[in-house]
Amino acid sequence: MNATMVRQGAQVNASAVLAEWTKLRTTPGPGWLLLATVAVTVALGSAVCVDGCDVPRIALSGVYLGQATVAVLGVLVVGAEFSCGLIRTTLAAVPGRAVMLAAKALVLAVPVAIAAAVAVGVCLARLPTHDGPVLRAALGTTVYLVLIAVMSVGVAAVVRDSGAAVGTVLGLLYLPPILVRAVSGSELREFVERVSPMSAGLAVQATTDLDRLPIGPWAGLGVLACWAAAALLAGFLALRLRDT
């Protein structure tokens, strides 16, 4: 019986992933947003790419704007279903809220990772990516964009309204770095930079003067991963307790 239950559970999970992939693939919006992510990241990175102490980080600076399209895509994967009422059909077909949300996050993560890898590859095409710090910046930036997408899925499941969810995600990303400039205390400023998703997550792009960073490169990416996990957990709880 246990083996049968495992097989049935695997079939349900595979069906959920296939269904989400079909929805993502047959909707024109995600493809355009992925292309916009690559275009914006590469264009902005090329525009500001000048000689400096940390050339890889400067070359990857287009991510500051490119992540916005990833956030919009992550929100729409969930928010669009709430806006048109399709979420009821989805929840009826996949009663397990955790399975449904995980399937959406997984299906979104793959194309975002591919688009991010393409954008990063173009931005760093003239740099030696076999170099340890540069390779870490490249891989870390790709993972960063995937985590932004996953976090956006969780936020959209909580907020439900696409516009409000996009505003929430962009606020989480862009407001802390803006507000921190008004903070006079250096300790408080460093604390905000260590815990805010964008400031901490993008520390992975640094290749020089790592001792001056408020948080280490991989540790900063870990902070963003915690934000993404917390958003997914909140989204699951919202779906389970509210959308029954």
Protein backbone atom coordinates (compact mmCIF):
# COMPACT_ATOMS: atom_id res chain seq x y z
CA MET A 1 0.00 0.00 0.00
CA ASN A 2 2.84 2.35 0.80
CA ALA A 3 4.38 1.74 -2.62
CA THR A 4 1.02 2.37 -4.26
CA MET A 5 0.58 5.62 -2.36
CA VAL A 6 4.06 6.73 -3.37
CA ARG A 7 3.34 6.01 -7.04
CA GLN A 8 0.02 7.82 -6.86
CA GLY A 9 1.67 10.80 -5.19
CA ALA A 10 4.38 10.89 -7.85
CA GLN A 11 1.74 10.79 -10.59
CA VAL A 12 -0.13 13.69 -9.00
CA ASN A 13 3.07 15.73 -8.69
CA ALA A 14 4.09 14.99 -12.28
CA SER A 15 0.62 15.87 -13.54
CA ALA A 16 0.69 19.15 -11.62
CA VAL A 17 4.07 20.07 -13.09
CA LEU A 18 2.94 19.12 -16.61
CA ALA A 19 -0.25 21.17 -16.24
CA GLU A 20 1.67 24.23 -15.06
CA TRP A 21 4.18 23.84 -17.87
CA THR A 22 1.37 23.65 -20.42
CA LYS A 23 -0.20 26.84 -19.06
CA LEU A 24 3.13 28.67 -19.05
CA ARG A 25 4.08 27.47 -22.54
CA THR A 26 0.76 28.29 -24.19
CA THR A 27 0.48 31.79 -22.74
CA PRO A 28 2.29 34.47 -24.81
CA GLY A 29 3.04 36.82 -21.91
CA PRO A 30 5.76 34.78 -20.14
CA GLY A 31 7.83 34.43 -23.30
CA TRP A 32 7.85 38.16 -23.90
CA LEU A 33 8.72 38.87 -20.28
CA LEU A 34 11.64 36.44 -20.44
CA LEU A 35 12.90 38.12 -23.60
CA ALA A 36 12.50 41.49 -21.89
CA THR A 37 14.54 40.24 -18.95
CA VAL A 38 17.42 39.29 -21.22
CA ALA A 39 17.17 42.47 -23.29
CA VAL A 40 16.96 44.85 -20.33
CA THR A 41 19.73 43.13 -18.39
CA VAL A 42 22.11 43.09 -21.34
CA ALA A 43 21.26 46.58 -22.59
CA LEU A 44 21.61 48.29 -19.23
CA GLY A 45 24.75 46.34 -18.40
CA SER A 46 26.31 47.36 -21.71
CA ALA A 47 25.31 51.00 -21.24
CA VAL A 48 27.04 51.34 -17.88
CA CYS A 49 29.88 48.91 -18.46
CA VAL A 50 33.02 50.99 -17.96
CA ASP A 51 36.42 50.26 -16.55
CA GLY A 52 36.39 50.00 -12.80
CA CYS A 53 37.60 48.06 -9.81
CA ASP A 54 34.84 45.46 -10.06
CA VAL A 55 34.19 45.02 -13.77
CA PRO A 56 32.00 41.88 -13.49
CA ARG A 57 29.69 43.57 -11.01
CA ILE A 58 29.39 46.62 -13.27
CA ALA A 59 28.73 44.42 -16.30
CA LEU A 60 25.94 42.66 -14.39
CA SER A 61 24.34 45.88 -13.15
CA GLY A 62 21.49 45.43 -15.63
CA VAL A 63 20.05 42.90 -13.19
CA TYR A 64 18.92 45.84 -11.04
CA LEU A 65 16.26 46.56 -13.66
CA GLY A 66 15.96 43.14 -15.26
CA GLN A 67 14.76 41.63 -11.99
CA ALA A 68 11.61 43.76 -12.24
CA THR A 69 10.41 41.83 -15.29
CA VAL A 70 11.17 38.57 -13.50
CA ALA A 71 9.09 39.77 -10.55
CA VAL A 72 6.19 40.65 -12.84
CA LEU A 73 6.40 37.21 -14.47
CA GLY A 74 6.43 35.44 -11.11
CA VAL A 75 3.41 37.39 -9.93
CA LEU A 76 1.42 36.78 -13.11
CA VAL A 77 1.93 33.02 -12.91
CA VAL A 78 -0.32 33.06 -9.83
CA GLY A 79 -2.10 36.42 -9.96
CA ALA A 80 -3.53 35.91 -13.44
CA GLU A 81 -5.39 32.82 -12.24
CA PHE A 82 -6.90 34.72 -9.33
CA SER A 83 -8.00 37.60 -11.56
CA CYS A 84 -9.87 35.38 -14.04
CA GLY A 85 -11.13 32.80 -11.55
CA LEU A 86 -9.06 29.97 -13.04
CA ILE A 87 -7.52 29.34 -9.62
CA ARG A 88 -10.68 27.45 -8.60
CA THR A 89 -10.17 25.00 -11.44
CA THR A 90 -6.50 24.64 -10.60
CA LEU A 91 -7.19 23.94 -6.93
CA ALA A 92 -9.90 21.46 -7.86
CA ALA A 93 -7.51 19.59 -10.16
CA VAL A 94 -4.63 19.72 -7.66
CA PRO A 95 -6.15 19.76 -4.15
CA GLY A 96 -2.74 19.79 -2.50
CA ARG A 97 -1.88 23.45 -2.06
CA ALA A 98 1.79 22.75 -1.48
CA VAL A 99 2.00 20.60 -4.62
CA MET A 100 0.28 23.25 -6.73
CA LEU A 101 2.45 26.10 -5.49
CA ALA A 102 5.65 24.06 -5.76
CA ALA A 103 4.74 23.06 -9.32
CA LYS A 104 4.26 26.71 -10.29
CA ALA A 105 7.58 27.69 -8.71
CA LEU A 106 9.45 24.79 -10.33
CA VAL A 107 8.01 25.31 -13.79
CA LEU A 108 8.80 29.03 -13.61
CA ALA A 109 12.31 28.51 -12.23
CA VAL A 110 13.54 26.55 -15.25
CA PRO A 111 12.88 29.13 -18.02
CA VAL A 112 13.95 31.97 -15.73
CA ALA A 113 17.23 30.16 -15.08
CA ILE A 114 17.77 29.72 -18.82
CA ALA A 115 16.97 33.36 -19.58
CA ALA A 116 19.19 34.52 -16.71
CA ALA A 117 22.06 32.32 -17.88
CA VAL A 118 21.79 33.76 -21.40
CA ALA A 119 21.75 37.33 -20.11
CA VAL A 120 24.66 36.73 -17.75
CA GLY A 121 26.63 34.96 -20.47
CA VAL A 122 26.25 37.90 -22.83
CA CYS A 123 27.12 40.44 -20.13
CA LEU A 124 30.28 38.57 -19.16
CA ALA A 125 31.24 37.39 -22.65
CA ARG A 126 34.50 39.34 -22.64
CA LEU A 127 35.54 38.29 -19.15
CA PRO A 128 37.29 35.07 -18.05
CA THR A 129 34.35 33.16 -16.55
CA HIS A 130 36.69 30.34 -15.49
CA ASP A 131 38.05 32.74 -12.87
CA GLY A 132 36.66 31.84 -9.44
CA PRO A 133 35.10 35.18 -8.43
CA VAL A 134 33.73 35.83 -11.92
CA LEU A 135 32.23 32.34 -12.10
CA ARG A 136 30.66 32.84 -8.70
CA ALA A 137 29.18 36.17 -9.80
CA ALA A 138 27.77 34.53 -12.94
CA LEU A 139 26.23 31.53 -11.19
CA GLY A 140 25.08 33.63 -8.25
CA THR A 141 23.33 36.16 -10.47
CA THR A 142 21.47 33.37 -12.25
CA VAL A 143 20.35 31.88 -8.94
CA TYR A 144 19.43 35.37 -7.74
CA LEU A 145 16.94 35.89 -10.56
CA VAL A 146 15.45 32.44 -10.01
CA LEU A 147 14.94 33.23 -6.32
CA ILE A 148 13.27 36.54 -7.22
CA ALA A 149 10.83 34.61 -9.41
CA VAL A 150 10.10 32.09 -6.64
CA MET A 151 9.61 34.84 -4.07
CA SER A 152 7.20 36.60 -6.42
CA VAL A 153 5.12 33.42 -6.77
CA GLY A 154 4.75 33.24 -2.99
CA VAL A 155 3.86 36.91 -2.63
CA ALA A 156 1.24 36.64 -5.37
CA ALA A 157 -0.36 33.66 -3.60
CA VAL A 158 -0.69 35.77 -0.46
CA VAL A 159 -1.83 39.05 -2.03
CA ARG A 160 -3.83 37.52 -4.94
CA ASP A 161 -4.19 40.84 -6.78
CA SER A 162 -1.51 41.08 -9.49
CA GLY A 163 -1.03 44.84 -9.25
CA ALA A 164 -0.71 44.81 -5.48
CA ALA A 165 1.60 41.81 -5.59
CA VAL A 166 3.91 43.45 -8.13
CA GLY A 167 4.00 46.58 -5.97
CA THR A 168 4.79 44.49 -2.91
CA VAL A 169 7.67 42.63 -4.55
CA LEU A 170 9.17 45.75 -6.11
CA GLY A 171 8.82 47.54 -2.78
CA LEU A 172 10.70 44.74 -1.02
CA LEU A 173 13.45 44.96 -3.62
CA TYR A 174 13.91 48.67 -4.21
CA LEU A 175 12.68 50.50 -1.11
CA PRO A 176 15.26 49.29 1.45
CA PRO A 177 18.29 50.53 -0.58
CA ILE A 178 16.54 53.89 -1.01
CA LEU A 179 15.46 54.26 2.60
CA VAL A 180 18.82 53.14 3.95
CA ARG A 181 20.41 56.29 2.53
CA ALA A 182 18.35 58.32 4.97
CA VAL A 183 19.62 56.28 7.92
CA SER A 184 22.35 58.06 9.82
CA GLY A 185 23.64 55.18 11.94
CA SER A 186 26.14 52.95 10.13
CA GLU A 187 25.21 49.89 12.19
CA LEU A 188 21.53 50.19 11.31
CA ARG A 189 22.42 50.81 7.67
CA GLU A 190 24.57 47.68 7.53
CA PHE A 191 21.83 45.66 9.23
CA VAL A 192 19.28 46.73 6.61
CA GLU A 193 21.73 45.87 3.83
CA ARG A 194 22.32 42.44 5.36
CA VAL A 195 18.63 41.51 5.60
CA SER A 196 17.00 43.24 2.60
CA PRO A 197 16.53 40.83 -0.33
CA MET A 198 18.18 42.86 -3.10
CA SER A 199 21.10 44.34 -1.17
CA ALA A 200 21.98 41.02 0.42
CA GLY A 201 21.31 38.90 -2.65
CA LEU A 202 23.34 40.98 -5.08
CA ALA A 203 26.40 40.79 -2.84
CA VAL A 204 27.11 37.60 -4.78
CA GLN A 205 28.12 39.76 -7.76
CA ALA A 206 31.07 41.33 -5.94
CA THR A 207 34.50 40.10 -7.01
CA THR A 208 36.75 42.59 -5.20
CA ASP A 209 36.93 44.16 -1.73
CA LEU A 210 34.78 41.44 -0.23
CA ASP A 211 35.80 42.49 3.28
CA ARG A 212 33.96 45.78 2.76
CA LEU A 213 30.64 44.10 2.03
CA PRO A 214 27.99 44.15 4.79
CA ILE A 215 27.48 40.43 4.14
CA GLY A 216 29.40 37.72 2.32
CA PRO A 217 28.45 36.80 -1.27
CA TRP A 218 27.00 33.35 -0.60
CA ALA A 219 25.56 34.38 2.75
CA GLY A 220 23.74 37.23 1.03
CA LEU A 221 22.28 34.83 -1.51
CA GLY A 222 21.23 32.66 1.42
CA VAL A 223 19.31 35.61 2.86
CA LEU A 224 17.40 35.95 -0.41
CA ALA A 225 16.73 32.21 -0.39
CA CYS A 226 15.19 32.63 3.07
CA TRP A 227 12.96 35.41 1.71
CA ALA A 228 11.86 33.16 -1.15
CA ALA A 229 11.19 30.22 1.18
CA ALA A 230 9.25 32.45 3.58
CA ALA A 231 7.16 33.83 0.72
CA LEU A 232 6.33 30.33 -0.52
CA LEU A 233 5.41 29.22 3.00
CA ALA A 234 3.18 32.27 3.45
CA GLY A 235 1.60 31.58 0.07
CA PHE A 236 0.92 27.96 1.00
CA LEU A 237 -0.65 28.96 4.31
CA ALA A 238 -2.80 31.58 2.59
CA LEU A 239 -4.01 29.06 0.03
CA ARG A 240 -4.72 26.45 2.67
CA LEU A 241 -6.47 28.69 5.21
CA ARG A 242 -8.22 31.14 2.91
CA ASP A 243 -8.76 29.59 -0.51
CA THR A 244 -10.55 26.40 0.45
